């Protein structure tokens, strides 16, 4: 079976079993030639973090993030791992309350060993950071709210 056919087969099995991540490795000729792939698929239902109810909003029946509007939030452009600082223990790119300008880097999303900067699209103030450092994120997942 070819490597492509193996990956396609594993992808179908992932769908059938509801598995969202899988590592697959194949070695040839005593490890001289090696293929490695990490498969990651978005789950159909994503658990979103919850936040305390906003004191300024009357009759807020729910406080789940899913009920909140994150239309204007910076979102992850890909599946990967988000980093809020350049390295562990370093000062974060931004904190809640910080003023940012369009083009400022506010986070990094690492995918396939490549770090992709997440840049502010407008000037504003960081209102919420919806992820934690080194958290796995999905495509289009809200990361940071800037108003």
Foldseek 3Di string as FASTA:
>chain_A
DDPVVVVVVVVVVCVVVVPFWDKDKDADDVRPDIDIDIGGDDGPDDQFDFDPDDPVDPPPVGGTPVPDDCPPFQFDQAWAWKAQPPDPPDDGQDDQFDWFAFFRFRIWGDDPNDTHTRTDHHTFGWHDARDDGRHTDHHGHGGTDGD
